[in-house]
C-alpha atoms as a PDB file:
ATOM      1  CA  MET A   1      14.109 -21.818  11.288  1.00  0.00           C
ATOM      2  CA  ARG A   2      15.843 -17.715  10.696  1.00  0.00           C
ATOM      3  CA  ALA A   3      13.394 -14.972  11.511  1.00  0.00           C
ATOM      4  CA  GLY A   4      13.282 -11.458  12.044  1.00  0.00           C
ATOM      5  CA  ARG A   5      12.172 -10.146  14.581  1.00  0.00           C
ATOM      6  CA  ILE A   6      11.753  -7.159  16.663  1.00  0.00           C
ATOM      7  CA  THR A   7      11.157  -6.565  20.417  1.00  0.00           C
ATOM      8  CA  ILE A   8       8.709  -3.382  20.489  1.00  0.00           C
ATOM      9  CA  SER A   9       9.605  -2.104  23.750  1.00  0.00           C
ATOM     10  CA  THR A  10      13.402  -1.644  23.136  1.00  0.00           C
ATOM     11  CA  ARG A  11      12.656  -1.156  18.956  1.00  0.00           C
ATOM     12  CA  HIS A  12      15.668  -4.152  19.006  1.00  0.00           C
ATOM     13  CA  PHE A  13      15.582  -5.920  15.593  1.00  0.00           C
ATOM     14  CA  GLU A  14      17.714  -9.381  14.968  1.00  0.00           C
ATOM     15  CA  VAL A  15      18.044 -12.559  13.640  1.00  0.00           C
ATOM     16  CA  VAL A  16      17.347 -15.350  15.307  1.00  0.00           C
ATOM     17  CA  ASP A  17      17.021 -19.050  15.509  1.00  0.00           C
ATOM     18  CA  HIS A  18      13.102 -19.486  15.859  1.00  0.00           C
ATOM     19  CA  PRO A  19      10.838 -22.912  16.304  1.00  0.00           C
ATOM     20  CA  ILE A  20       8.787 -23.695  12.593  1.00  0.00           C
ATOM     21  CA  PRO A  21       5.681 -22.770  13.349  1.00  0.00           C
ATOM     22  CA  GLU A  22       2.903 -25.377  12.572  1.00  0.00           C
ATOM     23  CA  ALA A  23      -0.390 -24.961  10.845  1.00  0.00           C
ATOM     24  CA  GLY A  24      -3.735 -25.307  12.602  1.00  0.00           C
ATOM     25  CA  TYR A  25      -6.848 -25.762  11.657  1.00  0.00           C
ATOM     26  CA  GLY A  26      -7.690 -23.116   8.782  1.00  0.00           C
ATOM     27  CA  HIS A  27      -4.578 -22.374   8.319  1.00  0.00           C
ATOM     28  CA  VAL A  28      -1.264 -22.864   5.455  1.00  0.00           C
ATOM     29  CA  ARG A  29       2.276 -22.768   6.370  1.00  0.00           C
ATOM     30  CA  VAL A  30       3.832 -20.994   3.228  1.00  0.00           C
ATOM     31  CA  ALA A  31       7.733 -21.164   2.695  1.00  0.00           C
ATOM     32  CA  VAL A  32       8.758 -17.987   2.397  1.00  0.00           C
ATOM     33  CA  LYS A  33      10.811 -17.644  -1.144  1.00  0.00           C
ATOM     34  CA  ALA A  34      10.883 -13.552  -1.288  1.00  0.00           C
ATOM     35  CA  ALA A  35       9.864 -10.466   1.131  1.00  0.00           C
ATOM     36  CA  GLY A  36       9.613  -6.568   0.508  1.00  0.00           C
ATOM     37  CA  VAL A  37      10.628  -4.100   2.920  1.00  0.00           C
ATOM     38  CA  CYS A  38       8.080  -1.386   2.883  1.00  0.00           C
ATOM     39  CA  LEU A  39       8.756   2.078   4.525  1.00  0.00           C
ATOM     40  CA  SER A  40       6.198   0.688   7.081  1.00  0.00           C
ATOM     41  CA  ASP A  41       8.778  -1.714   8.238  1.00  0.00           C
ATOM     42  CA  VAL A  42      11.063   1.147   8.876  1.00  0.00           C
ATOM     43  CA  HIS A  43       8.642   2.947  10.765  1.00  0.00           C
ATOM     44  CA  LEU A  44       7.915   0.294  12.887  1.00  0.00           C
ATOM     45  CA  LEU A  45      11.698   0.134  13.549  1.00  0.00           C
ATOM     46  CA  ASP A  46      11.882   3.622  14.408  1.00  0.00           C
ATOM     47  CA  SER A  47       8.975   3.813  16.531  1.00  0.00           C
ATOM     48  CA  THR A  48       7.060   6.317  14.078  1.00  0.00           C
ATOM     49  CA  LEU A  49       4.548   3.372  13.949  1.00  0.00           C
ATOM     50  CA  SER A  50       3.634   0.586  16.279  1.00  0.00           C
ATOM     51  CA  PRO A  51       1.461  -2.618  16.625  1.00  0.00           C
ATOM     52  CA  GLY A  52      -2.491  -2.204  17.388  1.00  0.00           C
ATOM     53  CA  TYR A  53      -3.405  -5.492  18.508  1.00  0.00           C
ATOM     54  CA  LEU A  54      -0.406  -7.359  18.822  1.00  0.00           C
ATOM     55  CA  ASP A  55      -0.555 -10.149  21.903  1.00  0.00           C
ATOM     56  CA  GLY A  56       2.907  -9.752  23.267  1.00  0.00           C
ATOM     57  CA  ASP A  57       6.126  -7.793  23.037  1.00  0.00           C
ATOM     58  CA  VAL A  58       7.641  -9.523  19.841  1.00  0.00           C
ATOM     59  CA  VAL A  59       6.934 -10.046  16.620  1.00  0.00           C
ATOM     60  CA  THR A  60       8.304 -11.627  13.393  1.00  0.00           C
ATOM     61  CA  MET A  61       8.300  -8.709  10.665  1.00  0.00           C
ATOM     62  CA  GLY A  62       7.440  -8.784   6.989  1.00  0.00           C
ATOM     63  CA  HIS A  63       3.770  -8.423   5.538  1.00  0.00           C
ATOM     64  CA  GLU A  64       5.003  -8.200   1.674  1.00  0.00           C
ATOM     65  CA  VAL A  65       5.324 -12.220   1.087  1.00  0.00           C
ATOM     66  CA  ALA A  66       5.483 -14.757  -1.408  1.00  0.00           C
ATOM     67  CA  GLY A  67       6.271 -18.234  -1.612  1.00  0.00           C
ATOM     68  CA  VAL A  68       5.188 -22.242  -1.498  1.00  0.00           C
ATOM     69  CA  VAL A  69       2.438 -23.877   0.690  1.00  0.00           C
ATOM     70  CA  ASP A  70       4.641 -25.751   2.494  1.00  0.00           C
ATOM     71  CA  GLN A  71       1.728 -27.942   5.073  1.00  0.00           C
ATOM     72  CA  ILE A  72      -1.987 -27.638   5.268  1.00  0.00           C
ATOM     73  CA  GLY A  73      -3.920 -27.332   8.142  1.00  0.00           C
ATOM     74  CA  ASP A  74      -7.217 -29.331   9.188  1.00  0.00           C
ATOM     75  CA  GLY A  75     -10.126 -27.610   7.270  1.00  0.00           C
ATOM     76  CA  VAL A  76      -8.785 -26.286   4.175  1.00  0.00           C
ATOM     77  CA  ASP A  77      -9.632 -28.119   1.159  1.00  0.00           C
ATOM     78  CA  HIS A  78      -8.716 -25.149  -1.281  1.00  0.00           C
ATOM     79  CA  TRP A  79      -5.145 -25.025  -1.451  1.00  0.00           C
ATOM     80  CA  LYS A  80      -2.262 -28.642  -2.209  1.00  0.00           C
ATOM     81  CA  ILE A  81       1.503 -28.479  -1.262  1.00  0.00           C
ATOM     82  CA  GLY A  82       3.515 -26.728  -3.567  1.00  0.00           C
ATOM     83  CA  ASP A  83       1.185 -24.378  -4.683  1.00  0.00           C
ATOM     84  CA  ARG A  84       2.866 -20.839  -5.416  1.00  0.00           C
ATOM     85  CA  VAL A  85       1.166 -18.266  -3.076  1.00  0.00           C
ATOM     86  CA  ILE A  86       1.366 -14.771  -2.154  1.00  0.00           C
ATOM     87  CA  VAL A  87       0.172 -13.740   1.230  1.00  0.00           C
ATOM     88  CA  CYS A  88      -1.975 -10.857   1.356  1.00  0.00           C
ATOM     89  CA  ALA A  89      -0.517  -8.689   4.418  1.00  0.00           C
ATOM     90  CA  GLY A  90      -3.573  -8.357   6.759  1.00  0.00           C
ATOM     91  CA  ILE A  91      -6.648 -10.145   8.195  1.00  0.00           C
ATOM     92  CA  ARG A  92      -9.883  -9.095   9.967  1.00  0.00           C
ATOM     93  CA  ASP A  93     -10.558 -10.609  12.798  1.00  0.00           C
ATOM     94  CA  GLU A  94     -13.436 -12.294  14.714  1.00  0.00           C
ATOM     95  CA  LYS A  95     -13.601  -9.093  16.642  1.00  0.00           C
ATOM     96  CA  GLY A  96     -13.729  -6.741  13.231  1.00  0.00           C
ATOM     97  CA  ARG A  97      -9.951  -5.416  13.843  1.00  0.00           C
ATOM     98  CA  VAL A  98      -8.367  -4.908  10.606  1.00  0.00           C
ATOM     99  CA  ARG A  99      -4.811  -7.098  12.148  1.00  0.00           C
ATOM    100  CA  THR A 100      -1.866  -6.541   9.401  1.00  0.00           C
ATOM    101  CA  GLN A 101       0.813  -9.462   9.536  1.00  0.00           C
ATOM    102  CA  GLY A 102       4.566  -8.358  10.980  1.00  0.00           C
ATOM    103  CA  PHE A 103       3.461  -6.103  12.948  1.00  0.00           C
ATOM    104  CA  ASP A 104       0.270  -7.860  15.475  1.00  0.00           C
ATOM    105  CA  PHE A 105       1.044 -11.426  14.258  1.00  0.00           C
ATOM    106  CA  ASP A 106       4.420 -13.204  12.965  1.00  0.00           C
ATOM    107  CA  GLY A 107       5.113 -12.631   9.271  1.00  0.00           C
ATOM    108  CA  GLY A 108       7.447 -13.429   6.624  1.00  0.00           C
ATOM    109  CA  PHE A 109      10.856 -12.178   7.453  1.00  0.00           C
ATOM    110  CA  ALA A 110      11.463 -15.910   7.658  1.00  0.00           C
ATOM    111  CA  ASP A 111      11.313 -19.109   6.477  1.00  0.00           C
ATOM    112  CA  PHE A 112       8.465 -20.185   7.145  1.00  0.00           C
ATOM    113  CA  MET A 113       5.259 -18.663   8.157  1.00  0.00           C
ATOM    114  CA  ILE A 114       1.707 -19.356   9.121  1.00  0.00           C
ATOM    115  CA  ALA A 115      -1.302 -17.785   6.887  1.00  0.00           C
ATOM    116  CA  ASP A 116      -4.881 -17.613   6.925  1.00  0.00           C
ATOM    117  CA  ALA A 117      -5.771 -19.507   4.079  1.00  0.00           C
ATOM    118  CA  HIS A 118      -8.261 -17.249   3.312  1.00  0.00           C
ATOM    119  CA  THR A 119      -5.423 -15.366   2.444  1.00  0.00           C
ATOM    120  CA  LEU A 120      -3.655 -16.499   0.216  1.00  0.00           C
ATOM    121  CA  VAL A 121      -3.461 -15.523  -3.704  1.00  0.00           C
ATOM    122  CA  ALA A 122      -2.175 -18.142  -6.067  1.00  0.00           C
ATOM    123  CA  ILE A 123       0.606 -17.195  -8.811  1.00  0.00           C
ATOM    124  CA  HIS A 124       1.404 -18.249 -11.770  1.00  0.00           C
ATOM    125  CA  GLU A 125       4.851 -19.877 -13.088  1.00  0.00           C
ATOM    126  CA  GLN A 126       5.859 -16.437 -15.310  1.00  0.00           C
ATOM    127  CA  LEU A 127       5.103 -14.549 -12.403  1.00  0.00           C
ATOM    128  CA  SER A 128       8.817 -14.216 -10.264  1.00  0.00           C
ATOM    129  CA  PHE A 129       8.365 -14.529  -6.527  1.00  0.00           C
ATOM    130  CA  GLU A 130      10.464 -11.609  -6.423  1.00  0.00           C
ATOM    131  CA  GLN A 131       7.729  -9.669  -8.099  1.00  0.00           C
ATOM    132  CA  ALA A 132       5.312 -11.242  -6.681  1.00  0.00           C
ATOM    133  CA  CYS A 133       5.645 -10.718  -3.119  1.00  0.00           C
ATOM    134  CA  ILE A 134       5.303  -6.700  -3.526  1.00  0.00           C
ATOM    135  CA  ILE A 135       1.508  -6.632  -4.788  1.00  0.00           C
ATOM    136  CA  PRO A 136       0.097  -7.304  -1.494  1.00  0.00           C
ATOM    137  CA  ASP A 137       0.455  -4.023  -0.188  1.00  0.00           C
ATOM    138  CA  ALA A 138       3.146  -1.984  -2.774  1.00  0.00           C
ATOM    139  CA  VAL A 139       0.891  -2.365  -5.650  1.00  0.00           C
ATOM    140  CA  SER A 140      -2.447  -3.379  -4.046  1.00  0.00           C
ATOM    141  CA  THR A 141      -2.900  -0.099  -1.676  1.00  0.00           C
ATOM    142  CA  PRO A 142      -3.003   2.493  -4.473  1.00  0.00           C
ATOM    143  CA  TRP A 143      -4.868  -0.021  -6.563  1.00  0.00           C
ATOM    144  CA  ALA A 144      -7.587  -0.199  -3.529  1.00  0.00           C
ATOM    145  CA  ALA A 145      -6.697   3.480  -2.828  1.00  0.00           C
ATOM    146  CA  ILE A 146      -7.834   4.222  -6.401  1.00  0.00           C
ATOM    147  CA  THR A 147     -10.596   1.631  -7.553  1.00  0.00           C
ATOM    148  CA  GLN A 148     -12.251   1.846  -4.207  1.00  0.00           C
ATOM    149  CA  THR A 149     -11.583   4.917  -1.994  1.00  0.00           C
ATOM    150  CA  ALA A 150     -11.505   7.280  -4.635  1.00  0.00           C
ATOM    151  CA  GLN A 151     -13.608   5.475  -7.613  1.00  0.00           C
ATOM    152  CA  MET A 152     -11.670   7.128 -10.022  1.00  0.00           C
ATOM    153  CA  ARG A 153     -12.474   6.313 -14.277  1.00  0.00           C
ATOM    154  CA  ALA A 154     -11.516   6.916 -17.088  1.00  0.00           C
ATOM    155  CA  GLY A 155     -11.386  10.725 -17.664  1.00  0.00           C
ATOM    156  CA  LEU A 156     -11.127  12.329 -14.584  1.00  0.00           C
ATOM    157  CA  SER A 157      -7.430  13.859 -13.239  1.00  0.00           C
ATOM    158  CA  SER A 158      -5.447  12.664 -10.566  1.00  0.00           C
ATOM    159  CA  ALA A 159      -2.389  13.675  -8.815  1.00  0.00           C
ATOM    160  CA  VAL A 160       0.132  11.542  -6.638  1.00  0.00           C
ATOM    161  CA  PHE A 161       2.346  13.021  -3.916  1.00  0.00           C
ATOM    162  CA  GLY A 162       5.184  11.205  -3.304  1.00  0.00           C
ATOM    163  CA  ILE A 163       6.671   9.621  -5.889  1.00  0.00           C
ATOM    164  CA  GLY A 164       8.225   6.328  -3.636  1.00  0.00           C
ATOM    165  CA  GLY A 165       7.112   2.661  -3.579  1.00  0.00           C
ATOM    166  CA  LEU A 166       3.384   3.401  -3.539  1.00  0.00           C
ATOM    167  CA  GLY A 167       3.498   6.277  -5.708  1.00  0.00           C
ATOM    168  CA  ILE A 168       5.120   4.542  -8.262  1.00  0.00           C
ATOM    169  CA  HIS A 169       2.772   2.241  -8.582  1.00  0.00           C
ATOM    170  CA  ALA A 170      -0.436   4.498  -8.566  1.00  0.00           C
ATOM    171  CA  VAL A 171       0.878   6.190 -11.844  1.00  0.00           C
ATOM    172  CA  GLN A 172       0.950   2.921 -13.279  1.00  0.00           C
ATOM    173  CA  LEU A 173      -2.448   1.904 -12.088  1.00  0.00           C
ATOM    174  CA  LEU A 174      -4.166   5.272 -12.715  1.00  0.00           C
ATOM    175  CA  LYS A 175      -2.783   5.320 -16.341  1.00  0.00           C
ATOM    176  CA  ILE A 176      -3.965   1.711 -16.887  1.00  0.00           C
ATOM    177  CA  ILE A 177      -7.778   2.978 -15.854  1.00  0.00           C
ATOM    178  CA  GLY A 178      -7.431   5.689 -17.963  1.00  0.00           C
ATOM    179  CA  SER A 179      -6.995   8.649 -15.269  1.00  0.00           C
ATOM    180  CA  SER A 180      -6.103  11.983 -17.812  1.00  0.00           C
ATOM    181  CA  PRO A 181      -4.246  14.044 -17.104  1.00  0.00           C
ATOM    182  CA  ILE A 182      -2.323  12.594 -14.379  1.00  0.00           C
ATOM    183  CA  ILE A 183       0.669  14.668 -12.059  1.00  0.00           C
ATOM    184  CA  ALA A 184       3.400  13.465 -10.387  1.00  0.00           C
ATOM    185  CA  VAL A 185       4.336  15.752  -7.598  1.00  0.00           C
ATOM    186  CA  ASP A 186       7.835  14.559  -5.826  1.00  0.00           C
ATOM    187  CA  PRO A 187      10.548  17.604  -4.665  1.00  0.00           C
ATOM    188  CA  LEU A 188      13.389  14.559  -6.112  1.00  0.00           C
ATOM    189  CA  PRO A 189      14.261  15.153 -10.101  1.00  0.00           C
ATOM    190  CA  LEU A 190      15.433  11.522 -10.340  1.00  0.00           C
ATOM    191  CA  ALA A 191      11.186  10.707  -8.596  1.00  0.00           C
ATOM    192  CA  ARG A 192       9.905  13.420 -11.547  1.00  0.00           C
ATOM    193  CA  GLN A 193      11.718  11.583 -13.973  1.00  0.00           C
ATOM    194  CA  ARG A 194      10.770   7.883 -12.941  1.00  0.00           C
ATOM    195  CA  ALA A 195       7.088   9.301 -13.107  1.00  0.00           C
ATOM    196  CA  LEU A 196       6.912  10.636 -16.543  1.00  0.00           C
ATOM    197  CA  LEU A 197       8.762   7.221 -17.928  1.00  0.00           C
ATOM    198  CA  VAL A 198       5.614   4.819 -16.413  1.00  0.00           C
ATOM    199  CA  GLY A 199       3.110   7.444 -17.328  1.00  0.00           C
ATOM    200  CA  ALA A 200       2.190  10.594 -15.650  1.00  0.00           C
ATOM    201  CA  ASP A 201       1.310  13.110 -18.060  1.00  0.00           C
ATOM    202  CA  VAL A 202       3.766  15.770 -16.135  1.00  0.00           C
ATOM    203  CA  ALA A 203       5.764  15.572 -13.079  1.00  0.00           C
ATOM    204  CA  LEU A 204       5.733  18.649 -10.900  1.00  0.00           C
ATOM    205  CA  ASP A 205       8.519  20.208  -7.991  1.00  0.00           C
ATOM    206  CA  PRO A 206       5.567  21.033  -5.414  1.00  0.00           C
ATOM    207  CA  HIS A 207       8.396  24.116  -4.442  1.00  0.00           C
ATOM    208  CA  ASP A 208       8.006  25.467  -8.114  1.00  0.00           C
ATOM    209  CA  PRO A 209       6.764  28.904  -7.531  1.00  0.00           C
ATOM    210  CA  GLU A 210       4.444  28.385 -10.257  1.00  0.00           C
ATOM    211  CA  PHE A 211       3.116  24.979  -8.995  1.00  0.00           C
ATOM    212  CA  THR A 212      -0.282  26.326  -8.702  1.00  0.00           C
ATOM    213  CA  LYS A 213      -0.842  27.809 -11.882  1.00  0.00           C
ATOM    214  CA  LYS A 214       0.762  24.785 -13.741  1.00  0.00           C
ATOM    215  CA  VAL A 215      -1.415  22.755 -12.025  1.00  0.00           C
ATOM    216  CA  ARG A 216      -4.516  24.798 -13.159  1.00  0.00           C
ATOM    217  CA  ALA A 217      -3.253  24.599 -16.722  1.00  0.00           C
ATOM    218  CA  ILE A 218      -2.554  21.291 -16.718  1.00  0.00           C
ATOM    219  CA  THR A 219      -6.676  20.855 -15.834  1.00  0.00           C
ATOM    220  CA  ASN A 220      -7.838  23.552 -17.743  1.00  0.00           C
ATOM    221  CA  GLY A 221      -8.789  25.213 -14.941  1.00  0.00           C
ATOM    222  CA  ARG A 222     -11.036  22.193 -13.577  1.00  0.00           C
ATOM    223  CA  GLY A 223      -8.634  21.839 -10.573  1.00  0.00           C
ATOM    224  CA  ILE A 224      -8.086  17.732  -9.795  1.00  0.00           C
ATOM    225  CA  ASP A 225     -10.673  15.397  -9.250  1.00  0.00           C
ATOM    226  CA  SER A 226      -8.388  13.266  -6.881  1.00  0.00           C
ATOM    227  CA  ALA A 227      -5.508  13.870  -5.091  1.00  0.00           C
ATOM    228  CA  PHE A 228      -3.195  10.838  -3.621  1.00  0.00           C
ATOM    229  CA  ASP A 229      -0.613  11.529  -0.314  1.00  0.00           C
ATOM    230  CA  PHE A 230       1.606   9.063  -0.377  1.00  0.00           C
ATOM    231  CA  ALA A 231       3.654  10.944   1.612  1.00  0.00           C
ATOM    232  CA  GLY A 232       2.503  11.430   4.419  1.00  0.00           C
ATOM    233  CA  VAL A 233       3.345  15.255   4.941  1.00  0.00           C
ATOM    234  CA  ASN A 234       0.895  18.257   6.067  1.00  0.00           C
ATOM    235  CA  ALA A 235       2.031  19.912   3.858  1.00  0.00           C
ATOM    236  CA  VAL A 236       0.934  18.181   0.814  1.00  0.00           C
ATOM    237  CA  ARG A 237      -2.532  18.107   2.566  1.00  0.00           C
ATOM    238  CA  VAL A 238      -2.122  22.065   2.628  1.00  0.00           C
ATOM    239  CA  GLN A 239      -1.258  22.195  -1.038  1.00  0.00           C
ATOM    240  CA  ALA A 240      -3.470  19.815  -2.371  1.00  0.00           C
ATOM    241  CA  LEU A 241      -6.756  20.486  -1.327  1.00  0.00           C
ATOM    242  CA  PRO A 242      -7.458  23.807  -2.641  1.00  0.00           C
ATOM    243  CA  LEU A 243      -6.047  22.716  -5.953  1.00  0.00           C
ATOM    244  CA  LEU A 244      -9.456  19.940  -5.855  1.00  0.00           C
ATOM    245  CA  ALA A 245     -12.308  20.568  -7.993  1.00  0.00           C
ATOM    246  CA  GLU A 246     -15.779  20.677  -7.240  1.00  0.00           C
ATOM    247  CA  GLY A 247     -16.915  17.230  -5.738  1.00  0.00           C
ATOM    248  CA  GLY A 248     -13.134  16.650  -5.604  1.00  0.00           C
ATOM    249  CA  LYS A 249     -11.425  14.438  -2.964  1.00  0.00           C
ATOM    250  CA  LEU A 250      -8.051  14.406  -1.480  1.00  0.00           C
ATOM    251  CA  ILE A 251      -7.204  10.740  -0.455  1.00  0.00           C
ATOM    252  CA  ILE A 252      -4.799  10.475   2.648  1.00  0.00           C
ATOM    253  CA  ILE A 253      -2.863   6.951   2.625  1.00  0.00           C
ATOM    254  CA  GLY A 254       0.674   8.134   3.886  1.00  0.00           C
ATOM    255  CA  ILE A 255       0.830   8.789   7.727  1.00  0.00           C
ATOM    256  CA  ALA A 256       1.700  12.052   9.285  1.00  0.00           C
ATOM    257  CA  SER A 257       0.583  11.938  12.498  1.00  0.00           C
ATOM    258  CA  GLU A 258      -0.125  15.586  12.866  1.00  0.00           C
ATOM    259  CA  PRO A 259      -3.637  17.538  12.685  1.00  0.00           C
ATOM    260  CA  ILE A 260      -5.082  17.600   8.984  1.00  0.00           C
ATOM    261  CA  THR A 261      -5.604  21.428   8.187  1.00  0.00           C
ATOM    262  CA  ILE A 262      -8.123  22.323   6.056  1.00  0.00           C
ATOM    263  CA  PRO A 263      -6.931  26.316   4.236  1.00  0.00           C
ATOM    264  CA  SER A 264     -10.625  27.264   3.296  1.00  0.00           C
ATOM    265  CA  ASP A 265     -13.514  25.740   4.740  1.00  0.00           C
ATOM    266  CA  MET A 266     -15.636  28.088   3.028  1.00  0.00           C
ATOM    267  CA  ALA A 267     -13.677  26.627  -0.428  1.00  0.00           C
ATOM    268  CA  PHE A 268     -14.399  23.135   1.477  1.00  0.00           C
ATOM    269  CA  VAL A 269     -18.136  23.107   1.549  1.00  0.00           C
ATOM    270  CA  TYR A 270     -19.076  25.020  -1.739  1.00  0.00           C
ATOM    271  CA  LYS A 271     -17.071  22.861  -3.847  1.00  0.00           C
ATOM    272  CA  ARG A 272     -18.195  19.847  -1.587  1.00  0.00           C
ATOM    273  CA  ASN A 273     -14.600  18.329  -1.096  1.00  0.00           C
ATOM    274  CA  GLN A 274     -14.129  15.106   0.223  1.00  0.00           C
ATOM    275  CA  ILE A 275     -11.260  13.885   2.974  1.00  0.00           C
ATOM    276  CA  LEU A 276     -10.627  10.427   2.961  1.00  0.00           C
ATOM    277  CA  GLY A 277      -8.530   8.173   4.690  1.00  0.00           C
ATOM    278  CA  HIS A 278      -7.195   4.865   3.324  1.00  0.00           C
ATOM    279  CA  TYR A 279      -5.414   1.933   4.684  1.00  0.00           C
ATOM    280  CA  GLY A 280      -4.166  -1.220   2.844  1.00  0.00           C
ATOM    281  CA  SER A 281      -6.499  -3.777   0.723  1.00  0.00           C
ATOM    282  CA  GLU A 282      -8.532  -6.925   0.675  1.00  0.00           C
ATOM    283  CA  VAL A 283      -7.744 -10.428  -1.354  1.00  0.00           C
ATOM    284  CA  HIS A 284     -10.205  -9.135  -4.116  1.00  0.00           C
ATOM    285  CA  HIS A 285      -8.250  -6.288  -5.107  1.00  0.00           C
ATOM    286  CA  THR A 286      -4.449  -8.988  -4.686  1.00  0.00           C
ATOM    287  CA  GLN A 287      -6.495 -11.022  -6.985  1.00  0.00           C
ATOM    288  CA  GLU A 288      -7.209  -8.375  -9.742  1.00  0.00           C
ATOM    289  CA  LEU A 289      -3.452  -7.550  -9.951  1.00  0.00           C
ATOM    290  CA  VAL A 290      -2.282 -11.198 -10.467  1.00  0.00           C
ATOM    291  CA  GLU A 291      -4.934 -11.241 -13.208  1.00  0.00           C
ATOM    292  CA  LEU A 292      -3.627  -7.405 -14.708  1.00  0.00           C
ATOM    293  CA  VAL A 293      -0.064  -9.011 -14.828  1.00  0.00           C
ATOM    294  CA  ARG A 294      -0.939 -11.909 -16.733  1.00  0.00           C
ATOM    295  CA  ALA A 295      -2.892 -10.290 -19.135  1.00  0.00           C
END
């Protein structure tokens, strides 16, 4: 079969002929129909990111995958050949480590891949493979950040910094749960325009000299209940923290690999603010999103 594999020590990527894997106990083989390319894949290629728990030096990339169950291993009784599925991007192993496919074990940039049977989510016929494949990361990561880490609810204000692949979905998901107002922040005019089209109440340029004044006005002086950093830029954190409301949270999803600076520890303490890191999603988040798509 064809497989897109990277050698970690050299960051050399190539499409090679690779043996078709066999489904072991508790696993299934998926015939891949569509796979998304995530910015983290780019970061794996350019050495910004590295696998945390890879056995060896070579891995098949790809963690946003949709396809059809092609082979069923022993011990699996809840899937059948031909089922349409998406594969959740990671799994917690027996040591409690969160391992990501395409980083720590072979992923879906291939004709076939092996997946733990418990990481599959069924998809309906109306959902195309091309649309479905990005749900388990580009959509499920912001959904988990919004609903689980930030614990957002209707009526709370939000700001999304970085309107890229994850940020654009965050805006739509915040709209669904009733966040108000939703402030989209991006230096690119086209990104801001897209955010307005999918539900942002306002879209701001972070370099606008009146940025802070505008945020205060939009939130009626309260500040932001939850700010989401999808950009992975330290300047976002410095800009967002002073704008948090009392009890407000900064949720960091984008990775900057830099120290986090708190502009004023006094304001941070007095307002009981929080900085929370967020990574990935669980199977139930993906299931919830598939049902949202169906609705």
